[in-house]
Amino acid sequence: MNRCKSIDVQLVGGNKDTGSTAPQIYYLTHQILKLTFHLESHSEDYSSRRGLRKLLGKRKRLLIYLFDENTLLYAKVVETLGIRGLKKP
């Protein structure tokens, strides 16, 4: 849990503004990891699989928005969370 708090502080800078894009991406990534771990042991849980797809789509839309608005913060978020970036057209 300490790692989660340290990443949160790095991304937000200590600000508790959970409505901005970077913290939303962070929290969605945390939920995605939890659901992925759940689906490894419960592979036929289709409703959780649907929820995972919805979360992935929402995170992708937020990453696209962040890339368009602030490329430096986008790069920092992708590097800090260890997720793949967007595909280059």
N, C-alpha and C. Protein backbone atom coordinates (compact mmCIF):
# COMPACT_ATOMS: atom_id res chain seq x y z
N MET A 1 0.82 -1.20 0.00
CA MET A 1 0.00 0.00 0.00
C MET A 1 0.87 1.26 0.00
N ASN A 2 2.07 1.18 0.57
CA ASN A 2 2.95 2.34 0.58
C ASN A 2 3.36 2.73 -0.83
N ARG A 3 3.54 1.72 -1.70
CA ARG A 3 3.90 2.00 -3.09
C ARG A 3 2.78 2.78 -3.78
N CYS A 4 1.53 2.41 -3.50
CA CYS A 4 0.38 3.10 -4.09
C CYS A 4 0.36 4.56 -3.67
N LYS A 5 0.61 4.83 -2.39
CA LYS A 5 0.59 6.20 -1.90
C LYS A 5 1.75 7.00 -2.49
N SER A 6 2.92 6.38 -2.63
CA SER A 6 4.05 7.11 -3.17
C SER A 6 3.83 7.46 -4.64
N ILE A 7 3.24 6.54 -5.40
CA ILE A 7 2.93 6.83 -6.80
C ILE A 7 1.90 7.94 -6.88
N ASP A 8 0.90 7.89 -6.00
CA ASP A 8 -0.13 8.92 -5.99
C ASP A 8 0.49 10.29 -5.72
N VAL A 9 1.39 10.36 -4.77
CA VAL A 9 2.03 11.64 -4.44
C VAL A 9 2.89 12.11 -5.59
N GLN A 10 3.59 11.20 -6.27
CA GLN A 10 4.43 11.58 -7.40
C GLN A 10 3.59 12.15 -8.54
N LEU A 11 2.46 11.51 -8.82
CA LEU A 11 1.64 11.93 -9.95
C LEU A 11 0.92 13.24 -9.67
N VAL A 12 0.39 13.36 -8.47
CA VAL A 12 -0.44 14.51 -8.16
C VAL A 12 0.35 15.62 -7.51
N GLY A 13 1.50 15.30 -6.95
CA GLY A 13 2.29 16.32 -6.29
C GLY A 13 1.74 16.65 -4.91
N GLY A 14 1.11 15.69 -4.24
CA GLY A 14 0.56 15.93 -2.91
C GLY A 14 -0.82 16.52 -2.93
N ASN A 15 -1.31 16.93 -4.07
CA ASN A 15 -2.64 17.51 -4.18
C ASN A 15 -3.68 16.39 -4.13
N LYS A 16 -4.75 16.60 -3.42
CA LYS A 16 -5.79 15.58 -3.29
C LYS A 16 -6.90 15.75 -4.33
N ASP A 17 -6.56 16.30 -5.48
CA ASP A 17 -7.53 16.51 -6.55
C ASP A 17 -7.71 15.20 -7.32
N THR A 18 -8.64 14.37 -6.88
CA THR A 18 -8.85 13.08 -7.52
C THR A 18 -9.65 13.20 -8.82
N GLY A 19 -10.08 14.38 -9.16
CA GLY A 19 -10.86 14.56 -10.38
C GLY A 19 -10.00 14.83 -11.60
N SER A 20 -8.73 15.15 -11.40
CA SER A 20 -7.87 15.41 -12.55
C SER A 20 -7.50 14.09 -13.23
N THR A 21 -6.94 14.18 -14.39
CA THR A 21 -6.75 13.02 -15.25
C THR A 21 -5.74 12.02 -14.70
N ALA A 22 -4.59 12.48 -14.21
CA ALA A 22 -3.54 11.57 -13.76
C ALA A 22 -4.00 10.67 -12.60
N PRO A 23 -4.62 11.21 -11.56
CA PRO A 23 -5.09 10.31 -10.50
C PRO A 23 -6.18 9.35 -10.95
N GLN A 24 -7.02 9.77 -11.88
CA GLN A 24 -8.04 8.86 -12.39
C GLN A 24 -7.40 7.68 -13.10
N ILE A 25 -6.35 7.95 -13.89
CA ILE A 25 -5.63 6.88 -14.58
C ILE A 25 -4.98 5.96 -13.56
N TYR A 26 -4.42 6.54 -12.52
CA TYR A 26 -3.79 5.74 -11.47
C TYR A 26 -4.80 4.82 -10.80
N TYR A 27 -5.95 5.34 -10.40
CA TYR A 27 -6.95 4.53 -9.71
C TYR A 27 -7.55 3.47 -10.64
N LEU A 28 -7.75 3.81 -11.90
CA LEU A 28 -8.24 2.82 -12.86
C LEU A 28 -7.22 1.70 -13.04
N THR A 29 -5.94 2.05 -13.08
CA THR A 29 -4.90 1.03 -13.22
C THR A 29 -4.89 0.10 -12.01
N HIS A 30 -5.09 0.67 -10.84
CA HIS A 30 -5.14 -0.14 -9.62
C HIS A 30 -6.34 -1.11 -9.68
N GLN A 31 -7.49 -0.65 -10.12
CA GLN A 31 -8.66 -1.51 -10.24
C GLN A 31 -8.45 -2.59 -11.31
N ILE A 32 -7.80 -2.22 -12.41
CA ILE A 32 -7.53 -3.16 -13.48
C ILE A 32 -6.62 -4.28 -12.99
N LEU A 33 -5.62 -3.94 -12.21
CA LEU A 33 -4.72 -4.95 -11.66
C LEU A 33 -5.46 -5.90 -10.72
N LYS A 34 -6.35 -5.35 -9.90
CA LYS A 34 -7.13 -6.20 -9.00
C LYS A 34 -8.03 -7.15 -9.77
N LEU A 35 -8.71 -6.64 -10.80
CA LEU A 35 -9.59 -7.49 -11.60
C LEU A 35 -8.81 -8.54 -12.38
N THR A 36 -7.65 -8.17 -12.87
CA THR A 36 -6.82 -9.13 -13.61
C THR A 36 -6.40 -10.27 -12.70
N PHE A 37 -6.02 -9.94 -11.48
CA PHE A 37 -5.65 -10.97 -10.51
C PHE A 37 -6.85 -11.88 -10.20
N HIS A 38 -8.02 -11.30 -10.07
CA HIS A 38 -9.23 -12.08 -9.80
C HIS A 38 -9.54 -13.02 -10.97
N LEU A 39 -9.39 -12.52 -12.20
CA LEU A 39 -9.74 -13.34 -13.36
C LEU A 39 -8.73 -14.46 -13.62
N GLU A 40 -7.53 -14.35 -13.06
CA GLU A 40 -6.59 -15.45 -13.21
C GLU A 40 -7.09 -16.71 -12.50
N SER A 41 -7.77 -16.54 -11.39
CA SER A 41 -8.26 -17.71 -10.67
C SER A 41 -9.73 -18.02 -10.98
N HIS A 42 -10.46 -17.05 -11.51
CA HIS A 42 -11.88 -17.25 -11.87
C HIS A 42 -12.06 -16.89 -13.34
N SER A 43 -11.57 -17.76 -14.20
CA SER A 43 -11.51 -17.44 -15.63
C SER A 43 -12.87 -17.36 -16.30
N GLU A 44 -13.90 -17.94 -15.71
CA GLU A 44 -15.21 -17.92 -16.36
C GLU A 44 -16.17 -16.90 -15.76
N ASP A 45 -15.64 -15.93 -15.07
CA ASP A 45 -16.44 -14.86 -14.49
C ASP A 45 -16.63 -13.78 -15.56
N TYR A 46 -17.68 -13.93 -16.34
CA TYR A 46 -17.87 -13.08 -17.51
C TYR A 46 -18.27 -11.65 -17.15
N SER A 47 -18.98 -11.48 -16.05
CA SER A 47 -19.36 -10.12 -15.68
C SER A 47 -18.13 -9.32 -15.23
N SER A 48 -17.19 -9.96 -14.55
CA SER A 48 -15.95 -9.26 -14.18
C SER A 48 -15.12 -8.97 -15.42
N ARG A 49 -15.16 -9.89 -16.38
CA ARG A 49 -14.42 -9.67 -17.63
C ARG A 49 -14.98 -8.46 -18.38
N ARG A 50 -16.30 -8.32 -18.36
CA ARG A 50 -16.94 -7.17 -19.00
C ARG A 50 -16.55 -5.87 -18.28
N GLY A 51 -16.54 -5.91 -16.94
CA GLY A 51 -16.12 -4.75 -16.17
C GLY A 51 -14.68 -4.38 -16.45
N LEU A 52 -13.82 -5.38 -16.64
CA LEU A 52 -12.42 -5.12 -16.96
C LEU A 52 -12.31 -4.42 -18.31
N ARG A 53 -13.07 -4.89 -19.28
CA ARG A 53 -13.04 -4.24 -20.61
C ARG A 53 -13.51 -2.79 -20.54
N LYS A 54 -14.52 -2.54 -19.72
CA LYS A 54 -15.02 -1.16 -19.57
C LYS A 54 -13.96 -0.28 -18.93
N LEU A 55 -13.28 -0.78 -17.91
CA LEU A 55 -12.22 -0.01 -17.25
C LEU A 55 -11.06 0.26 -18.20
N LEU A 56 -10.70 -0.73 -19.00
CA LEU A 56 -9.61 -0.55 -19.96
C LEU A 56 -9.97 0.53 -20.99
N GLY A 57 -11.21 0.53 -21.45
CA GLY A 57 -11.65 1.54 -22.40
C GLY A 57 -11.64 2.93 -21.80
N LYS A 58 -12.08 3.03 -20.56
CA LYS A 58 -12.10 4.33 -19.89
C LYS A 58 -10.68 4.86 -19.68
N ARG A 59 -9.76 3.95 -19.27
CA ARG A 59 -8.38 4.38 -19.08
C ARG A 59 -7.75 4.81 -20.41
N LYS A 60 -8.09 4.11 -21.49
CA LYS A 60 -7.55 4.46 -22.80
C LYS A 60 -8.02 5.85 -23.22
N ARG A 61 -9.31 6.13 -23.00
CA ARG A 61 -9.82 7.46 -23.35
C ARG A 61 -9.15 8.55 -22.53
N LEU A 62 -8.91 8.29 -21.25
CA LEU A 62 -8.22 9.27 -20.41
C LEU A 62 -6.78 9.46 -20.85
N LEU A 63 -6.11 8.38 -21.26
CA LEU A 63 -4.74 8.51 -21.76
C LEU A 63 -4.68 9.32 -23.05
N ILE A 64 -5.65 9.13 -23.92
CA ILE A 64 -5.70 9.92 -25.16
C ILE A 64 -5.89 11.39 -24.83
N TYR A 65 -6.79 11.69 -23.90
CA TYR A 65 -7.03 13.07 -23.50
C TYR A 65 -5.78 13.68 -22.89
N LEU A 66 -5.12 12.94 -22.01
CA LEU A 66 -3.91 13.46 -21.36
C LEU A 66 -2.79 13.67 -22.36
N PHE A 67 -2.68 12.78 -23.35
CA PHE A 67 -1.66 12.94 -24.38
C PHE A 67 -1.89 14.21 -25.19
N ASP A 68 -3.15 14.50 -25.49
CA ASP A 68 -3.48 15.71 -26.25
C ASP A 68 -3.26 16.98 -25.44
N GLU A 69 -3.53 16.93 -24.14
CA GLU A 69 -3.46 18.12 -23.30
C GLU A 69 -2.06 18.39 -22.74
N ASN A 70 -1.39 17.37 -22.24
CA ASN A 70 -0.12 17.56 -21.55
C ASN A 70 0.76 16.34 -21.81
N THR A 71 1.61 16.43 -22.82
CA THR A 71 2.43 15.29 -23.24
C THR A 71 3.46 14.91 -22.18
N LEU A 72 4.01 15.89 -21.47
CA LEU A 72 5.01 15.59 -20.45
C LEU A 72 4.41 14.80 -19.29
N LEU A 73 3.24 15.21 -18.83
CA LEU A 73 2.57 14.49 -17.75
C LEU A 73 2.16 13.10 -18.22
N TYR A 74 1.75 12.98 -19.47
CA TYR A 74 1.40 11.68 -20.04
C TYR A 74 2.60 10.73 -19.97
N ALA A 75 3.76 11.22 -20.40
CA ALA A 75 4.96 10.38 -20.37
C ALA A 75 5.32 9.98 -18.95
N LYS A 76 5.15 10.90 -18.01
CA LYS A 76 5.46 10.61 -16.60
C LYS A 76 4.50 9.56 -16.05
N VAL A 77 3.22 9.67 -16.37
CA VAL A 77 2.22 8.71 -15.89
C VAL A 77 2.50 7.33 -16.44
N VAL A 78 2.77 7.23 -17.74
CA VAL A 78 3.01 5.93 -18.37
C VAL A 78 4.26 5.29 -17.79
N GLU A 79 5.29 6.07 -17.58
CA GLU A 79 6.54 5.53 -17.03
C GLU A 79 6.37 5.11 -15.57
N THR A 80 5.70 5.93 -14.78
CA THR A 80 5.54 5.65 -13.36
C THR A 80 4.68 4.41 -13.12
N LEU A 81 3.59 4.30 -13.87
CA LEU A 81 2.69 3.16 -13.67
C LEU A 81 3.16 1.90 -14.37
N GLY A 82 4.08 2.04 -15.31
CA GLY A 82 4.60 0.87 -16.01
C GLY A 82 3.59 0.27 -16.98
N ILE A 83 2.78 1.13 -17.61
CA ILE A 83 1.81 0.65 -18.58
C ILE A 83 2.28 1.03 -19.97
N ARG A 84 1.73 0.33 -20.97
CA ARG A 84 2.08 0.65 -22.35
C ARG A 84 1.44 1.97 -22.74
N GLY A 85 2.13 2.71 -23.55
CA GLY A 85 1.57 3.95 -24.06
C GLY A 85 0.64 3.70 -25.23
N LEU A 86 0.16 4.77 -25.79
CA LEU A 86 -0.73 4.66 -26.94
C LEU A 86 0.05 4.26 -28.18
N LYS A 87 -0.63 3.61 -29.11
CA LYS A 87 0.00 3.26 -30.36
C LYS A 87 0.18 4.50 -31.20
N LYS A 88 1.31 4.60 -31.84
CA LYS A 88 1.58 5.75 -32.71
C LYS A 88 0.96 5.51 -34.08
N PRO A 89 0.21 6.48 -34.60
CA PRO A 89 -0.42 6.27 -35.91
C PRO A 89 0.57 6.32 -37.04
